[in-house]
PDB file of N, CA and C in Angstrom:
ATOM      1  N   MET A   1      44.831  15.753  77.462  1.00  0.00           N
ATOM      2  CA  MET A   1      44.239  14.675  76.719  1.00  0.00           C
ATOM      3  C   MET A   1      45.344  14.048  75.837  1.00  0.00           C
ATOM      4  N   THR A   2      45.393  12.759  75.800  1.00  0.00           N
ATOM      5  CA  THR A   2      46.367  12.038  74.997  1.00  0.00           C
ATOM      6  C   THR A   2      45.699  11.605  73.678  1.00  0.00           C
ATOM      7  N   THR A   3      46.363  11.850  72.603  1.00  0.00           N
ATOM      8  CA  THR A   3      45.869  11.445  71.303  1.00  0.00           C
ATOM      9  C   THR A   3      46.658  10.226  70.814  1.00  0.00           C
ATOM     10  N   ILE A   4      45.944   9.184  70.410  1.00  0.00           N
ATOM     11  CA  ILE A   4      46.608   8.000  69.925  1.00  0.00           C
ATOM     12  C   ILE A   4      46.441   7.937  68.404  1.00  0.00           C
ATOM     13  N   ALA A   5      47.561   7.918  67.727  1.00  0.00           N
ATOM     14  CA  ALA A   5      47.537   7.880  66.256  1.00  0.00           C
ATOM     15  C   ALA A   5      47.221   6.434  65.789  1.00  0.00           C
ATOM     16  N   PRO A   6      46.441   6.312  64.775  1.00  0.00           N
ATOM     17  CA  PRO A   6      46.129   4.952  64.269  1.00  0.00           C
ATOM     18  C   PRO A   6      47.372   4.337  63.581  1.00  0.00           C
ATOM     19  N   GLN A   7      47.472   3.056  63.733  1.00  0.00           N
ATOM     20  CA  GLN A   7      48.566   2.358  63.045  1.00  0.00           C
ATOM     21  C   GLN A   7      48.269   2.249  61.575  1.00  0.00           C
ATOM     22  N   THR A   8      49.307   2.389  60.769  1.00  0.00           N
ATOM     23  CA  THR A   8      49.144   2.187  59.329  1.00  0.00           C
ATOM     24  C   THR A   8      49.671   0.778  59.020  1.00  0.00           C
ATOM     25  N   PHE A   9      48.931   0.118  58.144  1.00  0.00           N
ATOM     26  CA  PHE A   9      49.305  -1.241  57.729  1.00  0.00           C
ATOM     27  C   PHE A   9      49.520  -1.264  56.242  1.00  0.00           C
ATOM     28  N   ALA A  10      50.607  -1.819  55.826  1.00  0.00           N
ATOM     29  CA  ALA A  10      50.911  -2.015  54.414  1.00  0.00           C
ATOM     30  C   ALA A  10      51.072  -3.483  54.147  1.00  0.00           C
ATOM     31  N   GLU A  11      50.346  -3.996  53.189  1.00  0.00           N
ATOM     32  CA  GLU A  11      50.462  -5.418  52.787  1.00  0.00           C
ATOM     33  C   GLU A  11      51.400  -5.561  51.605  1.00  0.00           C
ATOM     34  N   PHE A  12      52.216  -6.647  51.659  1.00  0.00           N
ATOM     35  CA  PHE A  12      53.141  -6.893  50.587  1.00  0.00           C
ATOM     36  C   PHE A  12      52.579  -8.052  49.736  1.00  0.00           C
ATOM     37  N   PRO A  13      52.796  -7.971  48.415  1.00  0.00           N
ATOM     38  CA  PRO A  13      52.175  -8.988  47.538  1.00  0.00           C
ATOM     39  C   PRO A  13      52.905 -10.350  47.679  1.00  0.00           C
ATOM     40  N   LEU A  14      52.069 -11.426  47.829  1.00  0.00           N
ATOM     41  CA  LEU A  14      52.542 -12.801  47.847  1.00  0.00           C
ATOM     42  C   LEU A  14      51.701 -13.543  46.834  1.00  0.00           C
ATOM     43  N   PHE A  15      52.359 -14.451  46.141  1.00  0.00           N
ATOM     44  CA  PHE A  15      51.687 -15.222  45.114  1.00  0.00           C
ATOM     45  C   PHE A  15      51.683 -16.656  45.455  1.00  0.00           C
ATOM     46  N   PRO A  16      50.518 -17.272  45.558  1.00  0.00           N
ATOM     47  CA  PRO A  16      50.421 -18.691  45.972  1.00  0.00           C
ATOM     48  C   PRO A  16      51.216 -19.599  45.036  1.00  0.00           C
ATOM     49  N   ASP A  17      51.671 -20.684  45.616  1.00  0.00           N
ATOM     50  CA  ASP A  17      52.361 -21.766  44.892  1.00  0.00           C
ATOM     51  C   ASP A  17      53.716 -21.387  44.331  1.00  0.00           C
ATOM     52  N   VAL A  18      54.369 -20.392  44.928  1.00  0.00           N
ATOM     53  CA  VAL A  18      55.734 -20.004  44.538  1.00  0.00           C
ATOM     54  C   VAL A  18      56.630 -20.399  45.730  1.00  0.00           C
ATOM     55  N   PRO A  19      57.641 -21.305  45.512  1.00  0.00           N
ATOM     56  CA  PRO A  19      58.422 -21.819  46.638  1.00  0.00           C
ATOM     57  C   PRO A  19      59.492 -20.871  47.164  1.00  0.00           C
ATOM     58  N   ARG A  20      59.795 -19.782  46.440  1.00  0.00           N
ATOM     59  CA  ARG A  20      60.806 -18.827  46.935  1.00  0.00           C
ATOM     60  C   ARG A  20      60.445 -17.433  46.454  1.00  0.00           C
ATOM     61  N   TYR A  21      60.509 -16.528  47.336  1.00  0.00           N
ATOM     62  CA  TYR A  21      60.317 -15.090  47.039  1.00  0.00           C
ATOM     63  C   TYR A  21      61.565 -14.372  47.335  1.00  0.00           C
ATOM     64  N   ASP A  22      61.980 -13.492  46.454  1.00  0.00           N
ATOM     65  CA  ASP A  22      63.022 -12.488  46.672  1.00  0.00           C
ATOM     66  C   ASP A  22      62.442 -11.184  46.142  1.00  0.00           C
ATOM     67  N   MET A  23      62.120 -10.273  47.055  1.00  0.00           N
ATOM     68  CA  MET A  23      61.455  -9.044  46.605  1.00  0.00           C
ATOM     69  C   MET A  23      62.046  -7.844  47.364  1.00  0.00           C
ATOM     70  N   GLN A  24      61.878  -6.706  46.745  1.00  0.00           N
ATOM     71  CA  GLN A  24      62.245  -5.440  47.356  1.00  0.00           C
ATOM     72  C   GLN A  24      60.981  -4.762  47.805  1.00  0.00           C
ATOM     73  N   VAL A  25      60.974  -4.272  49.042  1.00  0.00           N
ATOM     74  CA  VAL A  25      59.816  -3.601  49.615  1.00  0.00           C
ATOM     75  C   VAL A  25      60.292  -2.292  50.248  1.00  0.00           C
ATOM     76  N   GLN A  26      59.382  -1.402  50.383  1.00  0.00           N
ATOM     77  CA  GLN A  26      59.648  -0.111  51.093  1.00  0.00           C
ATOM     78  C   GLN A  26      58.938  -0.160  52.421  1.00  0.00           C
ATOM     79  N   ILE A  27      59.704   0.044  53.468  1.00  0.00           N
ATOM     80  CA  ILE A  27      59.179   0.043  54.842  1.00  0.00           C
ATOM     81  C   ILE A  27      59.658   1.323  55.486  1.00  0.00           C
ATOM     82  N   ALA A  28      58.758   2.090  56.005  1.00  0.00           N
ATOM     83  CA  ALA A  28      59.068   3.315  56.733  1.00  0.00           C
ATOM     84  C   ALA A  28      60.024   4.215  55.930  1.00  0.00           C
ATOM     85  N   GLY A  29      59.778   4.278  54.639  1.00  0.00           N
ATOM     86  CA  GLY A  29      60.595   5.141  53.761  1.00  0.00           C
ATOM     87  C   GLY A  29      61.959   4.593  53.326  1.00  0.00           C
ATOM     88  N   LYS A  30      62.241   3.378  53.724  1.00  0.00           N
ATOM     89  CA  LYS A  30      63.559   2.773  53.365  1.00  0.00           C
ATOM     90  C   LYS A  30      63.292   1.507  52.555  1.00  0.00           C
ATOM     91  N   ASN A  31      64.243   1.165  51.717  1.00  0.00           N
ATOM     92  CA  ASN A  31      64.159  -0.064  50.915  1.00  0.00           C
ATOM     93  C   ASN A  31      64.790  -1.217  51.651  1.00  0.00           C
ATOM     94  N   TYR A  32      64.120  -2.360  51.577  1.00  0.00           N
ATOM     95  CA  TYR A  32      64.571  -3.605  52.193  1.00  0.00           C
ATOM     96  C   TYR A  32      64.397  -4.740  51.210  1.00  0.00           C
ATOM     97  N   GLY A  33      65.177  -5.798  51.461  1.00  0.00           N
ATOM     98  CA  GLY A  33      65.006  -7.034  50.696  1.00  0.00           C
ATOM     99  C   GLY A  33      64.325  -8.040  51.586  1.00  0.00           C
ATOM    100  N   VAL A  34      63.327  -8.743  51.066  1.00  0.00           N
ATOM    101  CA  VAL A  34      62.649  -9.797  51.769  1.00  0.00           C
ATOM    102  C   VAL A  34      62.841 -11.120  51.013  1.00  0.00           C
ATOM    103  N   ARG A  35      63.151 -12.131  51.728  1.00  0.00           N
ATOM    104  CA  ARG A  35      63.265 -13.489  51.147  1.00  0.00           C
ATOM    105  C   ARG A  35      62.389 -14.445  51.954  1.00  0.00           C
ATOM    106  N   LEU A  36      61.639 -15.229  51.212  1.00  0.00           N
ATOM    107  CA  LEU A  36      60.823 -16.272  51.794  1.00  0.00           C
ATOM    108  C   LEU A  36      61.172 -17.535  51.111  1.00  0.00           C
ATOM    109  N   ASP A  37      61.577 -18.548  51.908  1.00  0.00           N
ATOM    110  CA  ASP A  37      61.916 -19.834  51.351  1.00  0.00           C
ATOM    111  C   ASP A  37      61.047 -20.930  51.934  1.00  0.00           C
ATOM    112  N   TYR A  38      60.537 -21.808  51.097  1.00  0.00           N
ATOM    113  CA  TYR A  38      59.723 -22.915  51.572  1.00  0.00           C
ATOM    114  C   TYR A  38      60.604 -24.133  51.847  1.00  0.00           C
ATOM    115  N   ASN A  39      60.517 -24.742  53.018  1.00  0.00           N
ATOM    116  CA  ASN A  39      61.254 -25.927  53.343  1.00  0.00           C
ATOM    117  C   ASN A  39      60.269 -27.084  53.304  1.00  0.00           C
ATOM    118  N   GLY A  40      60.290 -27.889  52.270  1.00  0.00           N
ATOM    119  CA  GLY A  40      59.353 -28.992  52.107  1.00  0.00           C
ATOM    120  C   GLY A  40      59.501 -30.077  53.146  1.00  0.00           C
ATOM    121  N   ARG A  41      60.718 -30.325  53.630  1.00  0.00           N
ATOM    122  CA  ARG A  41      60.954 -31.336  54.655  1.00  0.00           C
ATOM    123  C   ARG A  41      60.174 -31.003  55.939  1.00  0.00           C
ATOM    124  N   GLU A  42      60.217 -29.713  56.273  1.00  0.00           N
ATOM    125  CA  GLU A  42      59.522 -29.268  57.541  1.00  0.00           C
ATOM    126  C   GLU A  42      58.130 -28.751  57.250  1.00  0.00           C
ATOM    127  N   ASN A  43      57.773 -28.617  55.987  1.00  0.00           N
ATOM    128  CA  ASN A  43      56.480 -28.012  55.596  1.00  0.00           C
ATOM    129  C   ASN A  43      56.321 -26.640  56.248  1.00  0.00           C
ATOM    130  N   ARG A  44      57.377 -25.821  56.190  1.00  0.00           N
ATOM    131  CA  ARG A  44      57.421 -24.520  56.830  1.00  0.00           C
ATOM    132  C   ARG A  44      58.072 -23.513  55.900  1.00  0.00           C
ATOM    133  N   TRP A  45      57.679 -22.257  56.077  1.00  0.00           N
ATOM    134  CA  TRP A  45      58.276 -21.121  55.379  1.00  0.00           C
ATOM    135  C   TRP A  45      59.308 -20.497  56.314  1.00  0.00           C
ATOM    136  N   ASN A  46      60.405 -19.984  55.719  1.00  0.00           N
ATOM    137  CA  ASN A  46      61.419 -19.226  56.439  1.00  0.00           C
ATOM    138  C   ASN A  46      61.448 -17.810  55.885  1.00  0.00           C
ATOM    139  N   PHE A  47      61.686 -16.829  56.775  1.00  0.00           N
ATOM    140  CA  PHE A  47      61.660 -15.427  56.457  1.00  0.00           C
ATOM    141  C   PHE A  47      63.017 -14.823  56.720  1.00  0.00           C
ATOM    142  N   SER A  48      63.511 -13.983  55.781  1.00  0.00           N
ATOM    143  CA  SER A  48      64.720 -13.218  55.962  1.00  0.00           C
ATOM    144  C   SER A  48      64.483 -11.760  55.527  1.00  0.00           C
ATOM    145  N   LEU A  49      65.156 -10.842  56.212  1.00  0.00           N
ATOM    146  CA  LEU A  49      65.058  -9.409  55.891  1.00  0.00           C
ATOM    147  C   LEU A  49      66.477  -8.865  55.725  1.00  0.00           C
ATOM    148  N   PHE A  50      66.665  -8.068  54.696  1.00  0.00           N
ATOM    149  CA  PHE A  50      67.956  -7.522  54.386  1.00  0.00           C
ATOM    150  C   PHE A  50      67.896  -6.017  54.238  1.00  0.00           C
ATOM    151  N   ALA A  51      68.926  -5.271  54.648  1.00  0.00           N
ATOM    152  CA  ALA A  51      69.029  -3.833  54.397  1.00  0.00           C
ATOM    153  C   ALA A  51      69.187  -3.619  52.919  1.00  0.00           C
ATOM    154  N   SER A  52      69.016  -2.400  52.463  1.00  0.00           N
ATOM    155  CA  SER A  52      69.105  -2.065  51.051  1.00  0.00           C
ATOM    156  C   SER A  52      70.449  -2.428  50.429  1.00  0.00           C
ATOM    157  N   ASP A  53      71.504  -2.489  51.229  1.00  0.00           N
ATOM    158  CA  ASP A  53      72.852  -2.851  50.723  1.00  0.00           C
ATOM    159  C   ASP A  53      73.057  -4.361  50.757  1.00  0.00           C
ATOM    160  N   GLY A  54      72.021  -5.135  51.160  1.00  0.00           N
ATOM    161  CA  GLY A  54      72.124  -6.603  51.193  1.00  0.00           C
ATOM    162  C   GLY A  54      72.582  -7.155  52.506  1.00  0.00           C
ATOM    163  N   GLU A  55      72.933  -6.261  53.476  1.00  0.00           N
ATOM    164  CA  GLU A  55      73.306  -6.755  54.785  1.00  0.00           C
ATOM    165  C   GLU A  55      72.174  -7.424  55.518  1.00  0.00           C
ATOM    166  N   PRO A  56      72.346  -8.651  56.050  1.00  0.00           N
ATOM    167  CA  PRO A  56      71.260  -9.346  56.720  1.00  0.00           C
ATOM    168  C   PRO A  56      70.855  -8.646  58.011  1.00  0.00           C
ATOM    169  N   ILE A  57      69.579  -8.525  58.191  1.00  0.00           N
ATOM    170  CA  ILE A  57      69.013  -8.017  59.429  1.00  0.00           C
ATOM    171  C   ILE A  57      68.465  -9.157  60.286  1.00  0.00           C
ATOM    172  N   ALA A  58      67.777 -10.070  59.602  1.00  0.00           N
ATOM    173  CA  ALA A  58      67.263 -11.295  60.202  1.00  0.00           C
ATOM    174  C   ALA A  58      67.191 -12.346  59.116  1.00  0.00           C
ATOM    175  N   THR A  59      67.715 -13.545  59.420  1.00  0.00           N
ATOM    176  CA  THR A  59      67.710 -14.581  58.372  1.00  0.00           C
ATOM    177  C   THR A  59      67.226 -15.923  58.896  1.00  0.00           C
ATOM    178  N   GLY A  60      66.498 -16.651  58.048  1.00  0.00           N
ATOM    179  CA  GLY A  60      66.085 -18.003  58.332  1.00  0.00           C
ATOM    180  C   GLY A  60      65.072 -18.154  59.437  1.00  0.00           C
ATOM    181  N   LEU A  61      64.302 -17.154  59.765  1.00  0.00           N
ATOM    182  CA  LEU A  61      63.313 -17.243  60.829  1.00  0.00           C
ATOM    183  C   LEU A  61      62.101 -17.989  60.339  1.00  0.00           C
ATOM    184  N   LYS A  62      61.629 -18.996  61.097  1.00  0.00           N
ATOM    185  CA  LYS A  62      60.446 -19.738  60.778  1.00  0.00           C
ATOM    186  C   LYS A  62      59.248 -18.833  60.895  1.00  0.00           C
ATOM    187  N   VAL A  63      58.412 -18.835  59.832  1.00  0.00           N
ATOM    188  CA  VAL A  63      57.259 -17.931  59.810  1.00  0.00           C
ATOM    189  C   VAL A  63      56.266 -18.387  60.884  1.00  0.00           C
ATOM    190  N   VAL A  64      55.829 -17.420  61.657  1.00  0.00           N
ATOM    191  CA  VAL A  64      54.801 -17.609  62.700  1.00  0.00           C
ATOM    192  C   VAL A  64      53.736 -16.564  62.428  1.00  0.00           C
ATOM    193  N   CYS A  65      52.479 -16.976  62.489  1.00  0.00           N
ATOM    194  CA  CYS A  65      51.388 -16.044  62.196  1.00  0.00           C
ATOM    195  C   CYS A  65      51.075 -15.171  63.402  1.00  0.00           C
ATOM    196  N   ASN A  66      50.681 -13.928  63.075  1.00  0.00           N
ATOM    197  CA  ASN A  66      50.176 -12.986  64.075  1.00  0.00           C
ATOM    198  C   ASN A  66      51.203 -12.664  65.152  1.00  0.00           C
ATOM    199  N   TRP A  67      52.453 -12.533  64.724  1.00  0.00           N
ATOM    200  CA  TRP A  67      53.571 -12.255  65.616  1.00  0.00           C
ATOM    201  C   TRP A  67      54.584 -11.388  64.876  1.00  0.00           C
ATOM    202  N   ASP A  68      55.175 -10.395  65.561  1.00  0.00           N
ATOM    203  CA  ASP A  68      56.159  -9.578  64.968  1.00  0.00           C
ATOM    204  C   ASP A  68      57.414 -10.396  64.659  1.00  0.00           C
ATOM    205  N   MET A  69      57.682 -10.590  63.422  1.00  0.00           N
ATOM    206  CA  MET A  69      58.821 -11.417  63.009  1.00  0.00           C
ATOM    207  C   MET A  69      60.175 -10.827  63.440  1.00  0.00           C
ATOM    208  N   LEU A  70      60.179  -9.532  63.742  1.00  0.00           N
ATOM    209  CA  LEU A  70      61.448  -8.876  64.133  1.00  0.00           C
ATOM    210  C   LEU A  70      61.554  -8.674  65.662  1.00  0.00           C
ATOM    211  N   TYR A  71      60.639  -9.254  66.404  1.00  0.00           N
ATOM    212  CA  TYR A  71      60.662  -9.104  67.854  1.00  0.00           C
ATOM    213  C   TYR A  71      62.024  -9.624  68.376  1.00  0.00           C
ATOM    214  N   GLY A  72      62.678  -8.780  69.172  1.00  0.00           N
ATOM    215  CA  GLY A  72      63.953  -9.146  69.733  1.00  0.00           C
ATOM    216  C   GLY A  72      65.173  -8.916  68.855  1.00  0.00           C
ATOM    217  N   ILE A  73      64.955  -8.533  67.605  1.00  0.00           N
ATOM    218  CA  ILE A  73      66.039  -8.274  66.658  1.00  0.00           C
ATOM    219  C   ILE A  73      66.586  -6.905  66.929  1.00  0.00           C
ATOM    220  N   VAL A  74      67.859  -6.834  67.210  1.00  0.00           N
ATOM    221  CA  VAL A  74      68.544  -5.566  67.430  1.00  0.00           C
ATOM    222  C   VAL A  74      69.521  -5.363  66.277  1.00  0.00           C
ATOM    223  N   HIS A  75      69.241  -4.330  65.447  1.00  0.00           N
ATOM    224  CA  HIS A  75      70.082  -4.035  64.296  1.00  0.00           C
ATOM    225  C   HIS A  75      69.822  -2.576  63.899  1.00  0.00           C
ATOM    226  N   ALA A  76      70.850  -1.858  63.547  1.00  0.00           N
ATOM    227  CA  ALA A  76      70.735  -0.440  63.209  1.00  0.00           C
ATOM    228  C   ALA A  76      69.764  -0.166  62.105  1.00  0.00           C
ATOM    229  N   GLU A  77      69.618  -1.138  61.188  1.00  0.00           N
ATOM    230  CA  GLU A  77      68.719  -0.965  60.032  1.00  0.00           C
ATOM    231  C   GLU A  77      67.331  -1.603  60.220  1.00  0.00           C
ATOM    232  N   ARG A  78      67.056  -2.090  61.374  1.00  0.00           N
ATOM    233  CA  ARG A  78      65.747  -2.715  61.671  1.00  0.00           C
ATOM    234  C   ARG A  78      64.645  -1.696  61.508  1.00  0.00           C
ATOM    235  N   PRO A  79      63.579  -1.981  60.803  1.00  0.00           N
ATOM    236  CA  PRO A  79      62.452  -1.042  60.723  1.00  0.00           C
ATOM    237  C   PRO A  79      61.815  -0.847  62.091  1.00  0.00           C
ATOM    238  N   PRO A  80      61.258   0.323  62.393  1.00  0.00           N
ATOM    239  CA  PRO A  80      60.751   0.612  63.695  1.00  0.00           C
ATOM    240  C   PRO A  80      59.415  -0.077  64.054  1.00  0.00           C
ATOM    241  N   GLY A  81      58.669  -0.545  63.074  1.00  0.00           N
ATOM    242  CA  GLY A  81      57.349  -1.136  63.308  1.00  0.00           C
ATOM    243  C   GLY A  81      57.456  -2.666  63.399  1.00  0.00           C
ATOM    244  N   GLN A  82      56.355  -3.345  62.970  1.00  0.00           N
ATOM    245  CA  GLN A  82      56.283  -4.782  63.076  1.00  0.00           C
ATOM    246  C   GLN A  82      56.026  -5.418  61.715  1.00  0.00           C
ATOM    247  N   VAL A  83      56.841  -6.427  61.356  1.00  0.00           N
ATOM    248  CA  VAL A  83      56.611  -7.232  60.186  1.00  0.00           C
ATOM    249  C   VAL A  83      55.817  -8.434  60.603  1.00  0.00           C
ATOM    250  N   VAL A  84      54.615  -8.614  60.071  1.00  0.00           N
ATOM    251  CA  VAL A  84      53.683  -9.639  60.588  1.00  0.00           C
ATOM    252  C   VAL A  84      53.127 -10.446  59.419  1.00  0.00           C
ATOM    253  N   PHE A  85      53.071 -11.755  59.625  1.00  0.00           N
ATOM    254  CA  PHE A  85      52.328 -12.698  58.746  1.00  0.00           C
ATOM    255  C   PHE A  85      50.962 -12.846  59.428  1.00  0.00           C
ATOM    256  N   PHE A  86      49.942 -12.371  58.796  1.00  0.00           N
ATOM    257  CA  PHE A  86      48.631 -12.453  59.461  1.00  0.00           C
ATOM    258  C   PHE A  86      47.752 -13.507  58.821  1.00  0.00           C
ATOM    259  N   ASP A  87      47.007 -14.229  59.674  1.00  0.00           N
ATOM    260  CA  ASP A  87      46.168 -15.369  59.312  1.00  0.00           C
ATOM    261  C   ASP A  87      44.782 -14.861  59.128  1.00  0.00           C
ATOM    262  N   LEU A  88      44.261 -14.890  57.854  1.00  0.00           N
ATOM    263  CA  LEU A  88      42.929 -14.382  57.576  1.00  0.00           C
ATOM    264  C   LEU A  88      41.839 -15.180  58.239  1.00  0.00           C
ATOM    265  N   PHE A  89      42.093 -16.434  58.567  1.00  0.00           N
ATOM    266  CA  PHE A  89      41.082 -17.283  59.180  1.00  0.00           C
ATOM    267  C   PHE A  89      41.209 -17.402  60.711  1.00  0.00           C
ATOM    268  N   GLY A  90      42.277 -16.861  61.233  1.00  0.00           N
ATOM    269  CA  GLY A  90      42.467 -16.872  62.646  1.00  0.00           C
ATOM    270  C   GLY A  90      42.883 -18.193  63.291  1.00  0.00           C
ATOM    271  N   SER A  91      43.327 -19.135  62.463  1.00  0.00           N
ATOM    272  CA  SER A  91      43.747 -20.415  63.054  1.00  0.00           C
ATOM    273  C   SER A  91      45.041 -20.325  63.816  1.00  0.00           C
ATOM    274  N   GLY A  92      45.891 -19.406  63.374  1.00  0.00           N
ATOM    275  CA  GLY A  92      47.184 -19.229  64.050  1.00  0.00           C
ATOM    276  C   GLY A  92      48.220 -20.288  63.667  1.00  0.00           C
ATOM    277  N   GLU A  93      47.840 -21.236  62.850  1.00  0.00           N
ATOM    278  CA  GLU A  93      48.773 -22.302  62.417  1.00  0.00           C
ATOM    279  C   GLU A  93      49.801 -21.716  61.469  1.00  0.00           C
ATOM    280  N   PRO A  94      51.033 -22.205  61.536  1.00  0.00           N
ATOM    281  CA  PRO A  94      52.048 -21.739  60.534  1.00  0.00           C
ATOM    282  C   PRO A  94      51.588 -22.091  59.143  1.00  0.00           C
ATOM    283  N   PRO A  95      51.916 -21.241  58.201  1.00  0.00           N
ATOM    284  CA  PRO A  95      51.481 -21.472  56.822  1.00  0.00           C
ATOM    285  C   PRO A  95      52.201 -22.655  56.169  1.00  0.00           C
ATOM    286  N   THR A  96      51.450 -23.489  55.486  1.00  0.00           N
ATOM    287  CA  THR A  96      52.026 -24.562  54.667  1.00  0.00           C
ATOM    288  C   THR A  96      52.318 -23.940  53.286  1.00  0.00           C
ATOM    289  N   PHE A  97      52.825 -24.728  52.386  1.00  0.00           N
ATOM    290  CA  PHE A  97      53.166 -24.231  51.069  1.00  0.00           C
ATOM    291  C   PHE A  97      51.948 -23.540  50.380  1.00  0.00           C
ATOM    292  N   ALA A  98      50.769 -24.147  50.456  1.00  0.00           N
ATOM    293  CA  ALA A  98      49.622 -23.589  49.779  1.00  0.00           C
ATOM    294  C   ALA A  98      48.998 -22.408  50.481  1.00  0.00           C
ATOM    295  N   ASP A  99      49.333 -22.174  51.747  1.00  0.00           N
ATOM    296  CA  ASP A  99      48.681 -21.118  52.520  1.00  0.00           C
ATOM    297  C   ASP A  99      49.253 -19.725  52.275  1.00  0.00           C
ATOM    298  N   LEU A 100      50.544 -19.601  52.010  1.00  0.00           N
ATOM    299  CA  LEU A 100      51.142 -18.260  51.828  1.00  0.00           C
ATOM    300  C   LEU A 100      50.544 -17.587  50.622  1.00  0.00           C
ATOM    301  N   GLY A 101      50.002 -16.380  50.803  1.00  0.00           N
ATOM    302  CA  GLY A 101      49.356 -15.667  49.763  1.00  0.00           C
ATOM    303  C   GLY A 101      47.856 -15.953  49.662  1.00  0.00           C
ATOM    304  N   ARG A 102      47.420 -16.965  50.375  1.00  0.00           N
ATOM    305  CA  ARG A 102      45.981 -17.267  50.442  1.00  0.00           C
ATOM    306  C   ARG A 102      45.504 -17.022  51.864  1.00  0.00           C
ATOM    307  N   ARG A 103      45.643 -17.986  52.738  1.00  0.00           N
ATOM    308  CA  ARG A 103      45.203 -17.867  54.120  1.00  0.00           C
ATOM    309  C   ARG A 103      46.081 -16.912  54.902  1.00  0.00           C
ATOM    310  N   VAL A 104      47.367 -16.871  54.571  1.00  0.00           N
ATOM    311  CA  VAL A 104      48.339 -16.075  55.296  1.00  0.00           C
ATOM    312  C   VAL A 104      48.923 -14.984  54.398  1.00  0.00           C
ATOM    313  N   ARG A 105      48.929 -13.759  54.898  1.00  0.00           N
ATOM    314  CA  ARG A 105      49.454 -12.574  54.160  1.00  0.00           C
ATOM    315  C   ARG A 105      50.612 -11.989  54.955  1.00  0.00           C
ATOM    316  N   LEU A 106      51.379 -11.161  54.259  1.00  0.00           N
ATOM    317  CA  LEU A 106      52.546 -10.464  54.863  1.00  0.00           C
ATOM    318  C   LEU A 106      52.298  -8.970  54.873  1.00  0.00           C
ATOM    319  N   GLY A 107      52.604  -8.333  55.964  1.00  0.00           N
ATOM    320  CA  GLY A 107      52.428  -6.901  56.004  1.00  0.00           C
ATOM    321  C   GLY A 107      53.314  -6.258  57.086  1.00  0.00           C
ATOM    322  N   TYR A 108      53.195  -4.926  57.128  1.00  0.00           N
ATOM    323  CA  TYR A 108      54.013  -4.142  58.050  1.00  0.00           C
ATOM    324  C   TYR A 108      53.093  -3.138  58.756  1.00  0.00           C
ATOM    325  N   TYR A 109      53.160  -3.136  60.048  1.00  0.00           N
ATOM    326  CA  TYR A 109      52.512  -2.112  60.896  1.00  0.00           C
ATOM    327  C   TYR A 109      53.578  -1.092  61.211  1.00  0.00           C
ATOM    328  N   ASP A 110      53.212   0.186  61.034  1.00  0.00           N
ATOM    329  CA  ASP A 110      54.229   1.243  61.267  1.00  0.00           C
ATOM    330  C   ASP A 110      54.573   1.456  62.717  1.00  0.00           C
ATOM    331  N   GLY A 111      53.847   0.888  63.623  1.00  0.00           N
ATOM    332  CA  GLY A 111      54.204   0.975  65.058  1.00  0.00           C
ATOM    333  C   GLY A 111      53.833   2.284  65.705  1.00  0.00           C
ATOM    334  N   ALA A 112      53.106   3.162  65.045  1.00  0.00           N
ATOM    335  CA  ALA A 112      52.665   4.446  65.649  1.00  0.00           C
ATOM    336  C   ALA A 112      51.690   4.173  66.757  1.00  0.00           C
ATOM    337  N   VAL A 113      51.979   4.727  67.916  1.00  0.00           N
ATOM    338  CA  VAL A 113      51.043   4.635  69.075  1.00  0.00           C
ATOM    339  C   VAL A 113      50.885   5.978  69.721  1.00  0.00           C
TER     340      VAL A 113
END
């Protein structure tokens, strides 16, 4: 018989109406830097992830809802699970300035299967 372990989800705090986030988060027991920048010209958010020493893992990725933001990223410090912006209302639309922290949240699935 195969046992499937449940995935663990950790949500990171986002505060509405803040145009830039620089925060430290712990993912899978390691510290990472997360940067979120709002681009008013495109009405889009960009996501970047940094190793604890500041080395870029992924930078300037346009935020997409319900998708692993690190899909296809190959880096020795990449967390093993999925970093996901999830849409509470299920529209799947990219978050606008007012949506981040309200309709759209940021979290990490540990990837356990």
